[in-house]
Amino acid sequence: MIVLTIHTQAASFDCSASNVTRDIDRFVCRDPVISALDEQMGTIYQENYRQLSPVNRATFLNSQRQWLSYWPQACLRTYDAKQGHYQSEEFAQCAKYEYERRIKELPIRVIHNHWKVFSVARYSHSTADMQAVPEWVKKVQHQLIYPQIELEGLSVDDQRRAQLINQWIVTQYKKVGGSQKTALNENDMDTFLWLKLEDSGSDVMSLESIYYFNSFGAHGNSALSHSHWSISKGRELMTSDILQGPWPSLVANEVYQGLLKNVPDMILINSPKEVLPSIQRIDHWNFYQEGLEFTFSPYEVAAYAAGIPSVLIPWIKLRAYLTEDAKSIISSMKKPYEH
């Protein structure tokens, strides 16, 4: 029998013996680190829940309920049901990691001066394809986390603009397969799809998408992409909105030289021509005050150890190819280069 020796004010719920009947609740109450994290998470959840409209409160609540069911299963996956898994150090470390990540996802952010952005999160498990995964993998994990803008409290014009952006965000994650369960719903791998919305300027919103998947080999892999929205145009930006003329050959050479400098021992390409297809796609672009950044997913141009290689081309080198729209966009860029 497990004897609870913690204070009842710990955790986000009453830890008195009469209220704690599940093994997972006993674990939360007994472990001081997880109990403190649970209490912190409960406070942050309530603070942000109160800032949302009724319809978004329901969405926020559903995300939290899914996570509460998801994380114990994620941390129990490697254990036999007869083992004392709740007492293991591995389970406690996994719980700590899952709580800390959820705490980071909960806060509402403010962009575009006053637009509130909250995260919609979906968590699930699906039965693993036992012919494709190791024996210990009974279920595979899926996560989808994407932003939405709170419409309540905005002017009519801002509501219209924000609603278009919300719809655009949904189309972006569905391109990766999110219309199924949460991410790709593959039964032979864990899948995680995370999207984040940021201001790139007074008229441009940028959406970063990271798709991470793990098929239980030596390591997982990830794919990074960016998409950009013009608030004034009410549509996604295209390469032709920013650059015109014979810019690809110049940029290809600059990017190739940058890669040789940044990841000299890990580069997998042999000439500027090999980056041409990628640099002409706006999903490889990121806007900064100082210039246009070109990013590449692991293995795209360099070895896995290189991570996500990137090269920044200063705007001054691109000025002969900038459109009039681009000049206006650049003048209001807010993001400093951080790499």
C-alpha atoms as a PDB file:
ATOM      1  CA  MET A   1       0.000   0.000   0.000  1.00  0.00           C
ATOM      2  CA  ILE A   2       1.235   3.472  -0.876  1.00  0.00           C
ATOM      3  CA  VAL A   3       1.039   5.912   2.001  1.00  0.00           C
ATOM      4  CA  LEU A   4       0.690   9.552   0.986  1.00  0.00           C
ATOM      5  CA  THR A   5       2.815  11.801   3.125  1.00  0.00           C
ATOM      6  CA  ILE A   6       2.396  15.089   1.237  1.00  0.00           C
ATOM      7  CA  HIS A   7       0.500  18.259   2.065  1.00  0.00           C
ATOM      8  CA  THR A   8      -2.982  18.506   0.623  1.00  0.00           C
ATOM      9  CA  GLN A   9      -2.253  21.923  -0.912  1.00  0.00           C
ATOM     10  CA  ALA A  10       0.323  20.395  -3.266  1.00  0.00           C
ATOM     11  CA  ALA A  11      -0.643  19.718  -6.889  1.00  0.00           C
ATOM     12  CA  SER A  12      -3.592  21.322  -8.679  1.00  0.00           C
ATOM     13  CA  PHE A  13      -6.094  19.094  -6.889  1.00  0.00           C
ATOM     14  CA  ASP A  14      -6.795  17.970  -3.331  1.00  0.00           C
ATOM     15  CA  CYS A  15      -4.263  15.286  -2.392  1.00  0.00           C
ATOM     16  CA  SER A  16      -6.090  14.036   0.688  1.00  0.00           C
ATOM     17  CA  ALA A  17      -6.405  10.251   0.708  1.00  0.00           C
ATOM     18  CA  SER A  18     -10.176  10.261   0.175  1.00  0.00           C
ATOM     19  CA  ASN A  19      -9.808  12.165  -3.118  1.00  0.00           C
ATOM     20  CA  VAL A  20      -6.835  10.270  -4.578  1.00  0.00           C
ATOM     21  CA  THR A  21      -7.936   6.932  -5.974  1.00  0.00           C
ATOM     22  CA  ARG A  22      -5.955   6.513  -9.206  1.00  0.00           C
ATOM     23  CA  ASP A  23      -2.314   5.374  -9.348  1.00  0.00           C
ATOM     24  CA  ILE A  24      -1.360   8.337 -11.505  1.00  0.00           C
ATOM     25  CA  ASP A  25      -2.865  10.798  -9.017  1.00  0.00           C
ATOM     26  CA  ARG A  26      -0.986   9.092  -6.195  1.00  0.00           C
ATOM     27  CA  PHE A  27       2.212   9.507  -8.182  1.00  0.00           C
ATOM     28  CA  VAL A  28       1.585  13.231  -8.731  1.00  0.00           C
ATOM     29  CA  CYS A  29       0.824  13.783  -5.062  1.00  0.00           C
ATOM     30  CA  ARG A  30       3.783  11.738  -3.841  1.00  0.00           C
ATOM     31  CA  ASP A  31       6.472  13.242  -6.111  1.00  0.00           C
ATOM     32  CA  PRO A  32       7.336  16.780  -4.875  1.00  0.00           C
ATOM     33  CA  VAL A  33       8.732  17.923  -8.243  1.00  0.00           C
ATOM     34  CA  ILE A  34       5.749  16.745 -10.266  1.00  0.00           C
ATOM     35  CA  SER A  35       3.325  17.971  -7.613  1.00  0.00           C
ATOM     36  CA  ALA A  36       4.825  21.464  -7.834  1.00  0.00           C
ATOM     37  CA  LEU A  37       4.734  21.376 -11.638  1.00  0.00           C
ATOM     38  CA  ASP A  38       1.118  20.232 -11.576  1.00  0.00           C
ATOM     39  CA  GLU A  39       0.193  23.099  -9.287  1.00  0.00           C
ATOM     40  CA  GLN A  40       2.072  25.569 -11.508  1.00  0.00           C
ATOM     41  CA  MET A  41       0.392  24.198 -14.616  1.00  0.00           C
ATOM     42  CA  GLY A  42      -3.052  24.430 -13.030  1.00  0.00           C
ATOM     43  CA  THR A  43      -2.495  28.090 -12.169  1.00  0.00           C
ATOM     44  CA  ILE A  44      -1.252  28.965 -15.654  1.00  0.00           C
ATOM     45  CA  TYR A  45      -4.118  27.061 -17.254  1.00  0.00           C
ATOM     46  CA  GLN A  46      -6.752  28.907 -15.223  1.00  0.00           C
ATOM     47  CA  GLU A  47      -5.174  32.325 -15.844  1.00  0.00           C
ATOM     48  CA  ASN A  48      -5.208  31.814 -19.606  1.00  0.00           C
ATOM     49  CA  TYR A  49      -8.559  30.041 -19.721  1.00  0.00           C
ATOM     50  CA  ARG A  50     -10.220  33.141 -18.263  1.00  0.00           C
ATOM     51  CA  GLN A  51      -8.877  35.313 -21.097  1.00  0.00           C
ATOM     52  CA  LEU A  52     -10.704  33.371 -23.810  1.00  0.00           C
ATOM     53  CA  SER A  53     -14.189  33.585 -25.262  1.00  0.00           C
ATOM     54  CA  PRO A  54     -16.651  30.780 -24.414  1.00  0.00           C
ATOM     55  CA  VAL A  55     -16.077  28.884 -27.673  1.00  0.00           C
ATOM     56  CA  ASN A  56     -12.292  29.051 -27.300  1.00  0.00           C
ATOM     57  CA  ARG A  57     -12.528  28.108 -23.630  1.00  0.00           C
ATOM     58  CA  ALA A  58     -14.149  24.861 -24.747  1.00  0.00           C
ATOM     59  CA  THR A  59     -11.306  24.246 -27.200  1.00  0.00           C
ATOM     60  CA  PHE A  60      -8.702  25.098 -24.553  1.00  0.00           C
ATOM     61  CA  LEU A  61     -10.358  22.764 -22.041  1.00  0.00           C
ATOM     62  CA  ASN A  62     -10.497  19.912 -24.545  1.00  0.00           C
ATOM     63  CA  SER A  63      -6.783  20.312 -25.265  1.00  0.00           C
ATOM     64  CA  GLN A  64      -6.004  20.116 -21.556  1.00  0.00           C
ATOM     65  CA  ARG A  65      -8.160  17.034 -21.057  1.00  0.00           C
ATOM     66  CA  GLN A  66      -6.428  15.293 -23.961  1.00  0.00           C
ATOM     67  CA  TRP A  67      -3.025  16.084 -22.490  1.00  0.00           C
ATOM     68  CA  LEU A  68      -4.016  14.782 -19.052  1.00  0.00           C
ATOM     69  CA  SER A  69      -4.927  11.444 -20.647  1.00  0.00           C
ATOM     70  CA  TYR A  70      -1.964  11.460 -23.007  1.00  0.00           C
ATOM     71  CA  TRP A  71       1.082  12.065 -20.848  1.00  0.00           C
ATOM     72  CA  PRO A  72       0.802   9.052 -18.471  1.00  0.00           C
ATOM     73  CA  GLN A  73       0.416   6.719 -21.449  1.00  0.00           C
ATOM     74  CA  ALA A  74       3.414   8.316 -23.149  1.00  0.00           C
ATOM     75  CA  CYS A  75       5.536   7.795 -20.037  1.00  0.00           C
ATOM     76  CA  LEU A  76       4.260   4.262 -19.356  1.00  0.00           C
ATOM     77  CA  ARG A  77       4.873   2.958 -22.848  1.00  0.00           C
ATOM     78  CA  THR A  78       8.086   1.061 -22.130  1.00  0.00           C
ATOM     79  CA  TYR A  79       6.782  -0.718 -19.020  1.00  0.00           C
ATOM     80  CA  ASP A  80       5.083  -4.012 -18.466  1.00  0.00           C
ATOM     81  CA  ALA A  81       1.807  -3.521 -16.586  1.00  0.00           C
ATOM     82  CA  LYS A  82       3.051  -5.692 -13.688  1.00  0.00           C
ATOM     83  CA  GLN A  83       6.155  -3.606 -13.036  1.00  0.00           C
ATOM     84  CA  GLY A  84       6.375  -0.861 -10.439  1.00  0.00           C
ATOM     85  CA  HIS A  85       6.619   1.763 -13.145  1.00  0.00           C
ATOM     86  CA  TYR A  86       5.284   4.704 -11.121  1.00  0.00           C
ATOM     87  CA  GLN A  87       8.227   4.376  -8.740  1.00  0.00           C
ATOM     88  CA  SER A  88      10.873   4.411 -11.475  1.00  0.00           C
ATOM     89  CA  GLU A  89      13.247   7.315 -12.066  1.00  0.00           C
ATOM     90  CA  GLU A  90      12.597   7.043 -15.817  1.00  0.00           C
ATOM     91  CA  PHE A  91       8.877   7.603 -15.341  1.00  0.00           C
ATOM     92  CA  ALA A  92       9.497  10.621 -13.088  1.00  0.00           C
ATOM     93  CA  GLN A  93      11.890  12.180 -15.625  1.00  0.00           C
ATOM     94  CA  CYS A  94       9.423  11.599 -18.443  1.00  0.00           C
ATOM     95  CA  ALA A  95       6.631  13.170 -16.387  1.00  0.00           C
ATOM     96  CA  LYS A  96       8.819  16.199 -15.642  1.00  0.00           C
ATOM     97  CA  TYR A  97       9.581  16.642 -19.340  1.00  0.00           C
ATOM     98  CA  GLU A  98       5.920  16.363 -20.371  1.00  0.00           C
ATOM     99  CA  TYR A  99       4.771  18.814 -17.682  1.00  0.00           C
ATOM    100  CA  GLU A 100       7.437  21.375 -18.530  1.00  0.00           C
ATOM    101  CA  ARG A 101       6.566  21.221 -22.210  1.00  0.00           C
ATOM    102  CA  ARG A 102       2.850  21.617 -21.518  1.00  0.00           C
ATOM    103  CA  ILE A 103       3.522  24.602 -19.256  1.00  0.00           C
ATOM    104  CA  LYS A 104       5.312  26.301 -22.167  1.00  0.00           C
ATOM    105  CA  GLU A 105       2.351  25.668 -24.481  1.00  0.00           C
ATOM    106  CA  LEU A 106      -0.359  27.132 -22.258  1.00  0.00           C
ATOM    107  CA  PRO A 107       0.343  30.893 -22.110  1.00  0.00           C
ATOM    108  CA  ILE A 108      -1.510  33.228 -24.466  1.00  0.00           C
ATOM    109  CA  ARG A 109       0.795  35.471 -26.510  1.00  0.00           C
ATOM    110  CA  VAL A 110       0.084  38.920 -27.941  1.00  0.00           C
ATOM    111  CA  ILE A 111       1.035  39.688 -31.560  1.00  0.00           C
ATOM    112  CA  HIS A 112       0.210  42.486 -33.998  1.00  0.00           C
ATOM    113  CA  ASN A 113       0.079  44.875 -31.020  1.00  0.00           C
ATOM    114  CA  HIS A 114      -3.074  43.434 -29.421  1.00  0.00           C
ATOM    115  CA  TRP A 115      -4.138  40.140 -31.023  1.00  0.00           C
ATOM    116  CA  LYS A 116      -4.271  37.275 -28.510  1.00  0.00           C
ATOM    117  CA  VAL A 117      -2.903  33.950 -29.765  1.00  0.00           C
ATOM    118  CA  PHE A 118      -3.561  30.689 -27.918  1.00  0.00           C
ATOM    119  CA  SER A 119      -2.499  27.139 -28.721  1.00  0.00           C
ATOM    120  CA  VAL A 120      -4.872  24.418 -29.821  1.00  0.00           C
ATOM    121  CA  ALA A 121      -3.354  21.072 -28.874  1.00  0.00           C
ATOM    122  CA  ARG A 122      -4.339  17.548 -29.826  1.00  0.00           C
ATOM    123  CA  TYR A 123      -2.794  14.464 -28.298  1.00  0.00           C
ATOM    124  CA  SER A 124      -3.445  10.820 -29.034  1.00  0.00           C
ATOM    125  CA  HIS A 125      -2.037   7.333 -29.313  1.00  0.00           C
ATOM    126  CA  SER A 126      -2.692   4.788 -32.030  1.00  0.00           C
ATOM    127  CA  THR A 127      -2.028   1.061 -32.055  1.00  0.00           C
ATOM    128  CA  ALA A 128       1.438   0.370 -33.401  1.00  0.00           C
ATOM    129  CA  ASP A 129       2.088  -1.738 -36.475  1.00  0.00           C
ATOM    130  CA  MET A 130       3.946  -4.536 -34.707  1.00  0.00           C
ATOM    131  CA  GLN A 131       5.641  -5.617 -37.935  1.00  0.00           C
ATOM    132  CA  ALA A 132       7.253  -2.199 -38.318  1.00  0.00           C
ATOM    133  CA  VAL A 133       8.209  -1.165 -34.766  1.00  0.00           C
ATOM    134  CA  PRO A 134      10.298  -2.684 -31.937  1.00  0.00           C
ATOM    135  CA  GLU A 135       8.530  -5.157 -29.669  1.00  0.00           C
ATOM    136  CA  TRP A 136       8.335  -2.745 -26.740  1.00  0.00           C
ATOM    137  CA  VAL A 137       6.352  -0.182 -28.742  1.00  0.00           C
ATOM    138  CA  LYS A 138       2.718  -1.011 -28.096  1.00  0.00           C
ATOM    139  CA  LYS A 139       1.295   2.354 -29.123  1.00  0.00           C
ATOM    140  CA  VAL A 140       2.719   5.247 -31.076  1.00  0.00           C
ATOM    141  CA  GLN A 141       2.293   8.864 -30.031  1.00  0.00           C
ATOM    142  CA  HIS A 142       0.844  11.801 -31.956  1.00  0.00           C
ATOM    143  CA  GLN A 143       0.836  15.511 -31.164  1.00  0.00           C
ATOM    144  CA  LEU A 144      -0.483  18.498 -33.072  1.00  0.00           C
ATOM    145  CA  ILE A 145      -0.114  22.006 -31.643  1.00  0.00           C
ATOM    146  CA  TYR A 146      -1.149  25.010 -33.680  1.00  0.00           C
ATOM    147  CA  PRO A 147      -2.019  28.673 -32.962  1.00  0.00           C
ATOM    148  CA  GLN A 148      -5.344  30.436 -33.274  1.00  0.00           C
ATOM    149  CA  ILE A 149      -6.199  34.105 -32.820  1.00  0.00           C
ATOM    150  CA  GLU A 150      -8.916  35.048 -30.326  1.00  0.00           C
ATOM    151  CA  LEU A 151     -11.536  37.034 -32.266  1.00  0.00           C
ATOM    152  CA  GLU A 152     -13.565  38.345 -29.346  1.00  0.00           C
ATOM    153  CA  GLY A 153     -12.770  41.960 -28.529  1.00  0.00           C
ATOM    154  CA  LEU A 154     -11.340  42.787 -31.959  1.00  0.00           C
ATOM    155  CA  SER A 155     -12.792  45.390 -34.307  1.00  0.00           C
ATOM    156  CA  VAL A 156     -14.898  44.149 -37.212  1.00  0.00           C
ATOM    157  CA  ASP A 157     -12.011  44.670 -39.656  1.00  0.00           C
ATOM    158  CA  ASP A 158      -9.517  42.928 -37.378  1.00  0.00           C
ATOM    159  CA  GLN A 159     -11.918  40.036 -36.841  1.00  0.00           C
ATOM    160  CA  ARG A 160     -12.138  39.550 -40.604  1.00  0.00           C
ATOM    161  CA  ARG A 161      -8.349  39.672 -41.009  1.00  0.00           C
ATOM    162  CA  ALA A 162      -7.711  37.368 -38.040  1.00  0.00           C
ATOM    163  CA  GLN A 163     -10.341  34.873 -39.183  1.00  0.00           C
ATOM    164  CA  LEU A 164      -8.604  34.576 -42.559  1.00  0.00           C
ATOM    165  CA  ILE A 165      -5.326  33.901 -40.779  1.00  0.00           C
ATOM    166  CA  ASN A 166      -6.942  31.268 -38.533  1.00  0.00           C
ATOM    167  CA  GLN A 167      -8.313  29.485 -41.594  1.00  0.00           C
ATOM    168  CA  TRP A 168      -4.940  29.706 -43.331  1.00  0.00           C
ATOM    169  CA  ILE A 169      -3.199  28.128 -40.330  1.00  0.00           C
ATOM    170  CA  VAL A 170      -5.552  25.144 -40.459  1.00  0.00           C
ATOM    171  CA  THR A 171      -4.874  24.655 -44.176  1.00  0.00           C
ATOM    172  CA  GLN A 172      -1.136  24.721 -43.469  1.00  0.00           C
ATOM    173  CA  TYR A 173      -1.178  21.909 -40.923  1.00  0.00           C
ATOM    174  CA  LYS A 174      -3.539  19.883 -43.084  1.00  0.00           C
ATOM    175  CA  LYS A 175      -0.949  19.974 -45.852  1.00  0.00           C
ATOM    176  CA  VAL A 176       1.211  17.824 -43.590  1.00  0.00           C
ATOM    177  CA  GLY A 177      -1.646  15.424 -42.930  1.00  0.00           C
ATOM    178  CA  GLY A 178      -3.194  16.914 -39.803  1.00  0.00           C
ATOM    179  CA  SER A 179      -6.744  16.326 -41.032  1.00  0.00           C
ATOM    180  CA  GLN A 180      -6.465  12.722 -39.875  1.00  0.00           C
ATOM    181  CA  LYS A 181      -5.806  12.255 -36.154  1.00  0.00           C
ATOM    182  CA  THR A 182      -3.295  14.724 -34.881  1.00  0.00           C
ATOM    183  CA  ALA A 183      -0.282  14.738 -37.138  1.00  0.00           C
ATOM    184  CA  LEU A 184       0.233  12.070 -39.793  1.00  0.00           C
ATOM    185  CA  ASN A 185      -1.364   9.297 -37.732  1.00  0.00           C
ATOM    186  CA  GLU A 186       1.273   6.863 -38.894  1.00  0.00           C
ATOM    187  CA  ASN A 187       1.149   3.540 -37.062  1.00  0.00           C
ATOM    188  CA  ASP A 188       4.857   2.851 -37.524  1.00  0.00           C
ATOM    189  CA  MET A 189       6.238   6.033 -35.940  1.00  0.00           C
ATOM    190  CA  ASP A 190       5.704   8.779 -33.390  1.00  0.00           C
ATOM    191  CA  THR A 191       4.585  12.005 -35.052  1.00  0.00           C
ATOM    192  CA  PHE A 192       4.720  15.549 -33.705  1.00  0.00           C
ATOM    193  CA  LEU A 193       3.632  18.646 -35.608  1.00  0.00           C
ATOM    194  CA  TRP A 194       4.200  22.036 -33.974  1.00  0.00           C
ATOM    195  CA  LEU A 195       3.260  25.391 -35.510  1.00  0.00           C
ATOM    196  CA  LYS A 196       4.032  28.881 -34.194  1.00  0.00           C
ATOM    197  CA  LEU A 197       2.742  32.253 -35.431  1.00  0.00           C
ATOM    198  CA  GLU A 198       4.936  35.362 -35.210  1.00  0.00           C
ATOM    199  CA  ASP A 199       4.997  38.964 -36.388  1.00  0.00           C
ATOM    200  CA  SER A 200       7.571  39.477 -39.132  1.00  0.00           C
ATOM    201  CA  GLY A 201       6.494  43.060 -39.687  1.00  0.00           C
ATOM    202  CA  SER A 202       3.496  45.352 -39.483  1.00  0.00           C
ATOM    203  CA  ASP A 203       1.889  43.623 -42.480  1.00  0.00           C
ATOM    204  CA  VAL A 204       3.399  40.121 -42.419  1.00  0.00           C
ATOM    205  CA  MET A 205       2.615  37.146 -40.212  1.00  0.00           C
ATOM    206  CA  SER A 206       4.985  34.187 -40.392  1.00  0.00           C
ATOM    207  CA  LEU A 207       4.051  30.622 -39.504  1.00  0.00           C
ATOM    208  CA  GLU A 208       6.831  28.209 -38.587  1.00  0.00           C
ATOM    209  CA  SER A 209       6.032  24.501 -38.865  1.00  0.00           C
ATOM    210  CA  ILE A 210       8.207  21.771 -37.388  1.00  0.00           C
ATOM    211  CA  TYR A 211       7.265  18.192 -38.157  1.00  0.00           C
ATOM    212  CA  TYR A 212       9.220  15.679 -36.088  1.00  0.00           C
ATOM    213  CA  PHE A 213       8.877  11.942 -36.544  1.00  0.00           C
ATOM    214  CA  ASN A 214      10.592   8.995 -34.941  1.00  0.00           C
ATOM    215  CA  SER A 215      10.451   5.547 -36.491  1.00  0.00           C
ATOM    216  CA  PHE A 216      12.632   4.098 -33.697  1.00  0.00           C
ATOM    217  CA  GLY A 217      15.930   4.062 -35.560  1.00  0.00           C
ATOM    218  CA  ALA A 218      19.148   5.679 -34.383  1.00  0.00           C
ATOM    219  CA  HIS A 219      17.360   9.018 -34.046  1.00  0.00           C
ATOM    220  CA  GLY A 220      14.262  10.835 -35.173  1.00  0.00           C
ATOM    221  CA  ASN A 221      14.126  13.317 -38.011  1.00  0.00           C
ATOM    222  CA  SER A 222      12.434  16.641 -38.615  1.00  0.00           C
ATOM    223  CA  ALA A 223      11.275  18.923 -41.396  1.00  0.00           C
ATOM    224  CA  LEU A 224      11.099  22.707 -41.065  1.00  0.00           C
ATOM    225  CA  SER A 225       9.016  25.044 -43.189  1.00  0.00           C
ATOM    226  CA  HIS A 226       7.814  28.642 -43.120  1.00  0.00           C
ATOM    227  CA  SER A 227       4.801  30.278 -44.672  1.00  0.00           C
ATOM    228  CA  HIS A 228       3.974  33.965 -44.670  1.00  0.00           C
ATOM    229  CA  TRP A 229       0.725  35.923 -44.754  1.00  0.00           C
ATOM    230  CA  SER A 230       0.138  39.465 -45.998  1.00  0.00           C
ATOM    231  CA  ILE A 231      -2.489  41.079 -43.774  1.00  0.00           C
ATOM    232  CA  SER A 232      -3.258  43.861 -46.261  1.00  0.00           C
ATOM    233  CA  LYS A 233      -3.550  41.491 -49.232  1.00  0.00           C
ATOM    234  CA  GLY A 234      -5.500  38.911 -47.251  1.00  0.00           C
ATOM    235  CA  ARG A 235      -3.526  36.040 -48.711  1.00  0.00           C
ATOM    236  CA  GLU A 236      -0.325  34.022 -48.426  1.00  0.00           C
ATOM    237  CA  LEU A 237       2.814  35.669 -49.718  1.00  0.00           C
ATOM    238  CA  MET A 238       4.519  34.293 -52.827  1.00  0.00           C
ATOM    239  CA  THR A 239       8.134  34.542 -53.941  1.00  0.00           C
ATOM    240  CA  SER A 240       7.087  36.967 -56.681  1.00  0.00           C
ATOM    241  CA  ASP A 241       5.750  39.368 -54.030  1.00  0.00           C
ATOM    242  CA  ILE A 242       9.303  39.833 -52.740  1.00  0.00           C
ATOM    243  CA  LEU A 243      11.847  39.125 -55.490  1.00  0.00           C
ATOM    244  CA  GLN A 244      11.772  39.605 -59.256  1.00  0.00           C
ATOM    245  CA  GLY A 245      14.175  39.166 -62.123  1.00  0.00           C
ATOM    246  CA  PRO A 246      17.167  36.778 -62.321  1.00  0.00           C
ATOM    247  CA  TRP A 247      17.759  36.632 -58.572  1.00  0.00           C
ATOM    248  CA  PRO A 248      17.985  32.804 -58.160  1.00  0.00           C
ATOM    249  CA  SER A 249      21.499  32.446 -59.601  1.00  0.00           C
ATOM    250  CA  LEU A 250      22.897  35.193 -57.350  1.00  0.00           C
ATOM    251  CA  VAL A 251      21.188  33.828 -54.261  1.00  0.00           C
ATOM    252  CA  ALA A 252      22.145  30.225 -55.048  1.00  0.00           C
ATOM    253  CA  ASN A 253      25.806  31.157 -55.129  1.00  0.00           C
ATOM    254  CA  GLU A 254      25.558  33.234 -51.921  1.00  0.00           C
ATOM    255  CA  VAL A 255      23.716  30.461 -50.099  1.00  0.00           C
ATOM    256  CA  TYR A 256      26.149  27.799 -51.265  1.00  0.00           C
ATOM    257  CA  GLN A 257      29.123  29.853 -50.099  1.00  0.00           C
ATOM    258  CA  GLY A 258      27.363  30.458 -46.800  1.00  0.00           C
ATOM    259  CA  LEU A 259      26.816  26.744 -46.289  1.00  0.00           C
ATOM    260  CA  LEU A 260      30.454  26.026 -47.039  1.00  0.00           C
ATOM    261  CA  LYS A 261      31.345  28.514 -44.311  1.00  0.00           C
ATOM    262  CA  ASN A 262      28.714  27.466 -41.749  1.00  0.00           C
ATOM    263  CA  VAL A 263      28.853  23.657 -42.077  1.00  0.00           C
ATOM    264  CA  PRO A 264      32.112  22.995 -43.965  1.00  0.00           C
ATOM    265  CA  ASP A 265      32.624  19.405 -42.857  1.00  0.00           C
ATOM    266  CA  MET A 266      28.995  18.291 -43.172  1.00  0.00           C
ATOM    267  CA  ILE A 267      27.750  19.704 -46.463  1.00  0.00           C
ATOM    268  CA  LEU A 268      26.194  17.131 -48.817  1.00  0.00           C
ATOM    269  CA  ILE A 269      25.970  19.211 -51.992  1.00  0.00           C
ATOM    270  CA  ASN A 270      28.657  20.101 -54.515  1.00  0.00           C
ATOM    271  CA  SER A 271      27.467  23.203 -56.352  1.00  0.00           C
ATOM    272  CA  PRO A 272      25.117  26.231 -56.153  1.00  0.00           C
ATOM    273  CA  LYS A 273      22.790  24.533 -58.647  1.00  0.00           C
ATOM    274  CA  GLU A 274      21.791  22.003 -56.004  1.00  0.00           C
ATOM    275  CA  VAL A 275      20.180  24.657 -53.781  1.00  0.00           C
ATOM    276  CA  LEU A 276      18.214  26.299 -56.623  1.00  0.00           C
ATOM    277  CA  PRO A 277      14.994  24.244 -56.176  1.00  0.00           C
ATOM    278  CA  SER A 278      14.872  24.955 -52.439  1.00  0.00           C
ATOM    279  CA  ILE A 279      15.665  28.669 -52.427  1.00  0.00           C
ATOM    280  CA  GLN A 280      12.913  29.389 -54.957  1.00  0.00           C
ATOM    281  CA  ARG A 281      10.290  28.077 -52.513  1.00  0.00           C
ATOM    282  CA  ILE A 282       9.066  30.583 -49.957  1.00  0.00           C
ATOM    283  CA  ASP A 283       8.669  27.819 -47.365  1.00  0.00           C
ATOM    284  CA  HIS A 284      12.489  28.011 -47.048  1.00  0.00           C
ATOM    285  CA  TRP A 285      12.406  31.752 -46.333  1.00  0.00           C
ATOM    286  CA  ASN A 286      12.431  33.690 -43.097  1.00  0.00           C
ATOM    287  CA  PHE A 287      12.276  37.491 -42.848  1.00  0.00           C
ATOM    288  CA  TYR A 288      14.512  39.572 -40.605  1.00  0.00           C
ATOM    289  CA  GLN A 289      15.456  43.226 -40.350  1.00  0.00           C
ATOM    290  CA  GLU A 290      18.932  42.461 -41.612  1.00  0.00           C
ATOM    291  CA  GLY A 291      18.043  40.242 -44.549  1.00  0.00           C
ATOM    292  CA  LEU A 292      16.370  37.186 -46.011  1.00  0.00           C
ATOM    293  CA  GLU A 293      17.228  33.895 -44.332  1.00  0.00           C
ATOM    294  CA  PHE A 294      17.174  30.598 -46.219  1.00  0.00           C
ATOM    295  CA  THR A 295      16.674  27.528 -44.003  1.00  0.00           C
ATOM    296  CA  PHE A 296      17.043  23.835 -44.767  1.00  0.00           C
ATOM    297  CA  SER A 297      15.720  20.728 -43.046  1.00  0.00           C
ATOM    298  CA  PRO A 298      18.095  18.067 -41.698  1.00  0.00           C
ATOM    299  CA  TYR A 299      19.680  16.027 -44.519  1.00  0.00           C
ATOM    300  CA  GLU A 300      18.446  18.469 -47.178  1.00  0.00           C
ATOM    301  CA  VAL A 301      21.868  20.021 -47.813  1.00  0.00           C
ATOM    302  CA  ALA A 302      23.990  18.798 -44.898  1.00  0.00           C
ATOM    303  CA  ALA A 303      24.447  15.867 -42.534  1.00  0.00           C
ATOM    304  CA  TYR A 304      22.029  15.337 -39.646  1.00  0.00           C
ATOM    305  CA  ALA A 305      24.586  16.638 -37.138  1.00  0.00           C
ATOM    306  CA  ALA A 306      24.395  20.052 -38.829  1.00  0.00           C
ATOM    307  CA  GLY A 307      20.840  20.445 -37.513  1.00  0.00           C
ATOM    308  CA  ILE A 308      18.867  23.027 -39.487  1.00  0.00           C
ATOM    309  CA  PRO A 309      21.428  24.914 -41.609  1.00  0.00           C
ATOM    310  CA  SER A 310      20.621  28.496 -42.522  1.00  0.00           C
ATOM    311  CA  VAL A 311      22.201  31.344 -44.460  1.00  0.00           C
ATOM    312  CA  LEU A 312      21.232  35.026 -44.174  1.00  0.00           C
ATOM    313  CA  ILE A 313      21.513  37.188 -47.305  1.00  0.00           C
ATOM    314  CA  PRO A 314      21.523  40.924 -46.455  1.00  0.00           C
ATOM    315  CA  TRP A 315      18.789  42.947 -48.135  1.00  0.00           C
ATOM    316  CA  ILE A 316      21.386  45.251 -49.649  1.00  0.00           C
ATOM    317  CA  LYS A 317      22.637  42.381 -51.803  1.00  0.00           C
ATOM    318  CA  LEU A 318      19.089  41.763 -53.016  1.00  0.00           C
ATOM    319  CA  ARG A 319      18.004  45.362 -53.593  1.00  0.00           C
ATOM    320  CA  ALA A 320      18.253  45.153 -57.412  1.00  0.00           C
ATOM    321  CA  TYR A 321      15.622  42.381 -57.330  1.00  0.00           C
ATOM    322  CA  LEU A 322      13.243  43.689 -54.667  1.00  0.00           C
ATOM    323  CA  THR A 323       9.657  44.473 -55.644  1.00  0.00           C
ATOM    324  CA  GLU A 324       7.998  47.671 -54.472  1.00  0.00           C
ATOM    325  CA  ASP A 325       5.901  45.583 -52.060  1.00  0.00           C
ATOM    326  CA  ALA A 326       9.064  44.043 -50.663  1.00  0.00           C
ATOM    327  CA  LYS A 327      10.609  47.458 -50.001  1.00  0.00           C
ATOM    328  CA  SER A 328       7.542  48.414 -48.010  1.00  0.00           C
ATOM    329  CA  ILE A 329       7.558  45.129 -46.078  1.00  0.00           C
ATOM    330  CA  ILE A 330      11.262  45.409 -45.268  1.00  0.00           C
ATOM    331  CA  SER A 331      10.841  48.894 -43.832  1.00  0.00           C
ATOM    332  CA  SER A 332       8.558  47.495 -41.120  1.00  0.00           C
ATOM    333  CA  MET A 333      10.433  44.291 -40.271  1.00  0.00           C
ATOM    334  CA  LYS A 334      10.454  43.696 -36.515  1.00  0.00           C
ATOM    335  CA  LYS A 335      12.457  40.516 -36.068  1.00  0.00           C
ATOM    336  CA  PRO A 336      16.211  40.878 -35.408  1.00  0.00           C
ATOM    337  CA  TYR A 337      18.418  38.112 -36.684  1.00  0.00           C
ATOM    338  CA  GLU A 338      19.039  35.697 -33.794  1.00  0.00           C
ATOM    339  CA  HIS A 339      21.207  32.933 -35.272  1.00  0.00           C
END
